[in-house]
N, C-alpha and C. Protein backbone atom coordinates (compact mmCIF):
# COMPACT_ATOMS: atom_id res chain seq x y z
N THR A 1 0.78 -1.24 0.08
CA THR A 1 0.11 -0.14 -0.12
C THR A 1 0.89 1.50 0.12
N VAL A 2 0.44 2.22 -0.39
CA VAL A 2 1.05 3.67 -0.07
C VAL A 2 0.80 4.41 1.06
N GLN A 3 0.12 3.67 1.95
CA GLN A 3 0.00 4.67 3.08
C GLN A 3 1.27 4.51 3.85
N PRO A 4 2.02 3.91 4.06
CA PRO A 4 3.58 4.18 4.78
C PRO A 4 4.24 5.22 3.93
N LEU A 5 4.33 5.45 2.64
CA LEU A 5 4.94 6.44 1.93
C LEU A 5 4.09 7.60 2.29
N PHE A 6 2.88 7.66 2.14
CA PHE A 6 2.15 8.88 2.50
C PHE A 6 2.61 9.30 3.86
N GLU A 7 2.70 8.80 4.70
CA GLU A 7 3.11 9.02 6.34
C GLU A 7 4.50 10.03 6.07
N LEU A 8 5.37 9.04 5.45
CA LEU A 8 6.65 9.63 5.65
C LEU A 8 6.77 10.90 4.94
N GLY A 9 6.05 11.29 3.94
CA GLY A 9 5.80 12.59 3.38
C GLY A 9 4.88 13.68 3.71
N PHE A 10 3.87 13.10 4.53
CA PHE A 10 2.64 14.16 5.20
C PHE A 10 2.61 14.05 6.06
N GLY A 11 3.01 12.52 7.04
CA GLY A 11 2.41 12.54 8.48
C GLY A 11 3.04 13.70 9.24
N LYS A 12 2.54 13.66 10.69
CA LYS A 12 3.10 14.40 11.47
C LYS A 12 4.49 14.17 11.83
N ARG A 13 5.62 14.74 12.13
CA ARG A 13 7.00 14.55 12.65
C ARG A 13 7.20 14.22 13.84
N PRO A 14 7.91 13.40 14.30
CA PRO A 14 8.00 12.94 15.70
C PRO A 14 8.82 13.78 16.53
N ARG A 15 8.86 14.16 17.34
CA ARG A 15 8.99 15.08 18.58
C ARG A 15 10.60 15.41 18.42
N GLU A 16 11.42 14.06 17.97
CA GLU A 16 12.95 14.33 17.85
C GLU A 16 13.13 13.57 16.57
N GLU A 17 14.07 13.53 15.99
CA GLU A 17 14.79 12.89 14.79
C GLU A 17 16.38 12.84 15.05
N LEU A 18 16.84 11.79 14.76
CA LEU A 18 18.30 11.65 14.86
C LEU A 18 18.77 10.63 14.00
N TYR A 19 19.30 10.75 12.87
CA TYR A 19 19.77 9.99 11.85
C TYR A 19 21.34 9.97 11.85
N ASP A 20 21.46 8.91 11.50
CA ASP A 20 22.80 8.60 10.79
C ASP A 20 23.32 8.53 9.70
N LEU A 21 23.64 9.72 8.81
CA LEU A 21 23.67 10.07 7.33
C LEU A 21 24.88 9.07 6.80
N ARG A 22 25.82 8.84 7.52
CA ARG A 22 26.89 7.96 6.73
C ARG A 22 26.40 6.82 6.44
N VAL A 23 25.49 6.10 6.76
CA VAL A 23 24.56 4.92 6.81
C VAL A 23 22.84 4.95 6.07
N ASP A 24 22.56 6.34 6.75
CA ASP A 24 21.39 6.23 5.92
C ASP A 24 20.88 7.80 5.54
N PRO A 25 21.67 7.89 4.43
CA PRO A 25 21.32 9.29 3.74
C PRO A 25 20.33 9.66 3.47
N ASP A 26 19.26 8.99 3.30
CA ASP A 26 17.78 9.32 2.82
C ASP A 26 16.84 9.34 4.01
N TYR A 27 17.46 9.42 5.32
CA TYR A 27 16.77 9.93 6.68
C TYR A 27 15.74 8.76 6.84
N MET A 28 15.65 7.56 6.73
CA MET A 28 14.67 6.56 6.89
C MET A 28 14.65 5.73 8.11
N HIS A 29 15.62 5.90 8.58
CA HIS A 29 15.94 5.06 10.20
C HIS A 29 16.11 6.10 11.15
N ASN A 30 14.71 6.67 12.10
CA ASN A 30 15.05 7.69 12.96
C ASN A 30 15.70 6.76 14.15
N LEU A 31 16.56 7.29 14.81
CA LEU A 31 17.63 6.59 15.78
C LEU A 31 17.35 7.39 17.17
N ALA A 32 16.44 8.28 17.16
CA ALA A 32 16.30 9.00 18.45
C ALA A 32 15.61 8.12 19.65
N ASN A 33 15.02 7.47 19.29
CA ASN A 33 14.39 6.30 20.67
C ASN A 33 15.40 5.08 20.76
N ASP A 34 16.50 5.10 20.03
CA ASP A 34 17.39 3.91 20.07
C ASP A 34 18.28 4.29 21.51
N PRO A 35 18.21 3.75 22.43
CA PRO A 35 18.88 3.55 23.83
C PRO A 35 20.39 3.82 23.47
N ALA A 36 21.20 3.31 22.54
CA ALA A 36 22.53 3.48 22.17
C ALA A 36 22.70 4.71 21.78
N TYR A 37 21.88 5.77 21.12
CA TYR A 37 22.26 6.97 20.93
C TYR A 37 21.77 8.17 21.85
N ASP A 38 21.23 7.68 23.19
CA ASP A 38 20.65 8.65 24.21
C ASP A 38 22.02 9.64 24.56
N ALA A 39 22.82 9.36 24.80
CA ALA A 39 23.97 10.39 24.92
C ALA A 39 24.02 11.47 23.89
N LEU A 40 24.35 10.76 22.50
CA LEU A 40 24.45 11.74 21.76
C LEU A 40 23.35 12.73 21.33
N ARG A 41 22.07 12.03 21.48
CA ARG A 41 20.84 12.92 21.52
C ARG A 41 20.62 14.10 22.54
N GLU A 42 21.16 13.65 23.69
CA GLU A 42 20.98 14.92 25.16
C GLU A 42 22.05 15.88 24.63
N GLU A 43 23.49 15.49 24.18
CA GLU A 43 24.25 16.28 23.81
C GLU A 43 23.93 17.33 22.70
N LEU A 44 23.33 16.82 21.63
CA LEU A 44 22.87 17.74 20.68
C LEU A 44 21.63 18.50 21.09
N ALA A 45 20.79 17.76 21.85
CA ALA A 45 19.66 18.46 22.55
C ALA A 45 20.01 19.65 23.11
N THR A 46 20.94 19.61 23.90
CA THR A 46 21.70 20.81 25.10
C THR A 46 22.23 21.63 24.25
N GLN A 47 22.71 21.22 23.05
CA GLN A 47 23.77 22.27 22.01
C GLN A 47 22.63 23.27 21.47
N LEU A 48 21.49 22.52 20.95
CA LEU A 48 20.45 23.13 20.40
C LEU A 48 19.69 24.18 21.01
N MET A 49 19.53 23.94 22.28
CA MET A 49 18.56 24.65 23.13
C MET A 49 19.75 25.88 23.72
N GLY A 50 21.03 25.91 23.78
CA GLY A 50 22.12 26.84 23.79
C GLY A 50 21.80 27.95 22.86
N ILE A 51 21.70 27.39 21.68
CA ILE A 51 21.99 28.21 20.39
C ILE A 51 20.49 29.33 20.50
N LEU A 52 19.39 28.16 20.50
CA LEU A 52 17.93 28.96 20.57
C LEU A 52 17.85 30.06 21.62
N GLN A 53 18.40 29.82 22.94
CA GLN A 53 18.41 30.65 23.94
C GLN A 53 19.49 31.89 23.79
N GLU A 54 20.55 31.87 23.01
CA GLU A 54 21.37 33.02 22.75
C GLU A 54 20.97 33.62 21.78
N GLN A 55 20.17 33.10 20.88
CA GLN A 55 19.31 34.00 19.56
C GLN A 55 18.21 34.25 20.27
N ALA A 56 17.56 34.28 21.38
CA ALA A 56 16.24 34.64 21.66
C ALA A 56 15.29 34.14 21.01
N ASP A 57 15.36 32.90 20.58
CA ASP A 57 14.32 32.32 19.96
C ASP A 57 13.00 32.37 20.69
N PRO A 58 11.82 33.19 19.39
CA PRO A 58 10.62 33.12 20.14
C PRO A 58 9.98 32.13 20.74
N ARG A 59 10.27 30.68 20.32
CA ARG A 59 9.45 29.49 20.91
C ARG A 59 10.21 29.26 22.36
N LEU A 60 11.27 29.96 22.76
CA LEU A 60 11.55 29.74 23.90
C LEU A 60 11.43 31.24 24.70
N VAL A 61 11.10 32.32 24.39
CA VAL A 61 11.37 33.27 25.23
C VAL A 61 9.74 33.95 25.48
N GLU A 62 9.09 33.89 24.48
CA GLU A 62 7.82 34.04 24.48
C GLU A 62 6.47 33.17 25.00
N ALA A 63 5.95 33.48 26.22
CA ALA A 63 4.94 32.85 26.78
C ALA A 63 3.87 32.37 25.66
N ALA A 64 3.37 32.93 24.99
CA ALA A 64 2.37 32.33 24.20
C ALA A 64 3.28 32.87 22.44
N CYS A 65 3.64 31.76 22.25
CA CYS A 65 4.52 31.61 20.88
C CYS A 65 3.72 32.49 19.78
N ARG A 66 4.23 33.45 18.94
CA ARG A 66 3.65 33.80 18.12
C ARG A 66 3.46 32.76 16.78
N PHE A 67 4.20 31.99 16.79
CA PHE A 67 3.92 30.67 15.68
C PHE A 67 3.04 30.10 16.19
N GLU A 68 2.44 29.95 16.94
CA GLU A 68 1.24 29.19 17.63
C GLU A 68 -0.03 29.45 17.09
N SER A 69 -0.15 30.73 16.46
CA SER A 69 -1.59 31.47 16.17
C SER A 69 -1.35 32.16 14.72
N ALA A 70 -2.47 32.29 14.42
CA ALA A 70 -2.45 33.13 12.66
C ALA A 70 -1.56 34.31 12.81
N PRO A 71 -1.17 34.27 11.78
CA PRO A 71 -1.28 34.06 10.41
C PRO A 71 -0.21 32.75 10.01
N TYR A 72 0.60 32.28 11.33
CA TYR A 72 1.42 31.04 11.36
C TYR A 72 0.66 29.78 11.31
N ALA A 73 -0.19 29.74 12.08
CA ALA A 73 -0.75 28.31 12.12
C ALA A 73 -2.46 28.80 11.80
N GLY A 74 -3.23 27.47 11.45
CA GLY A 74 -4.88 27.59 11.75
C GLY A 74 -5.31 27.98 10.36
N PRO A 75 -6.46 28.61 10.31
CA PRO A 75 -7.35 28.72 8.51
C PRO A 75 -6.66 30.07 8.38
N PRO A 76 -6.81 30.12 6.75
CA PRO A 76 -6.56 31.40 6.41
C PRO A 76 -7.47 32.37 6.82
N THR A 77 -6.65 33.47 7.03
CA THR A 77 -7.61 34.95 7.59
C THR A 77 -7.81 35.99 6.55
N HIS A 78 -7.48 35.84 5.28
CA HIS A 78 -7.79 36.41 4.16
C HIS A 78 -9.03 36.14 3.63
N THR A 79 -9.43 37.11 2.93
CA THR A 79 -11.18 37.06 2.22
C THR A 79 -10.76 37.56 0.99
N ASP A 80 -11.21 36.70 0.01
CA ASP A 80 -11.22 36.98 -1.38
C ASP A 80 -12.46 37.05 -2.13
């Protein structure tokens, strides 16, 4: 069936993704939940949070993040 392919292209993304591009250049095998990669995943998450905080990313510093409401999300607001 085409359902697995549809999910890969249009389904919701997992909360965390981690791929070994040396052996999986097509991003097909998410390693984020593999216990063998826990230390690396945590290290990368810490690095990412540090960068986002340094840049005052609105997803971290705004109580109600502007990306969670229109015009970034939800139904269109224009009338034609």
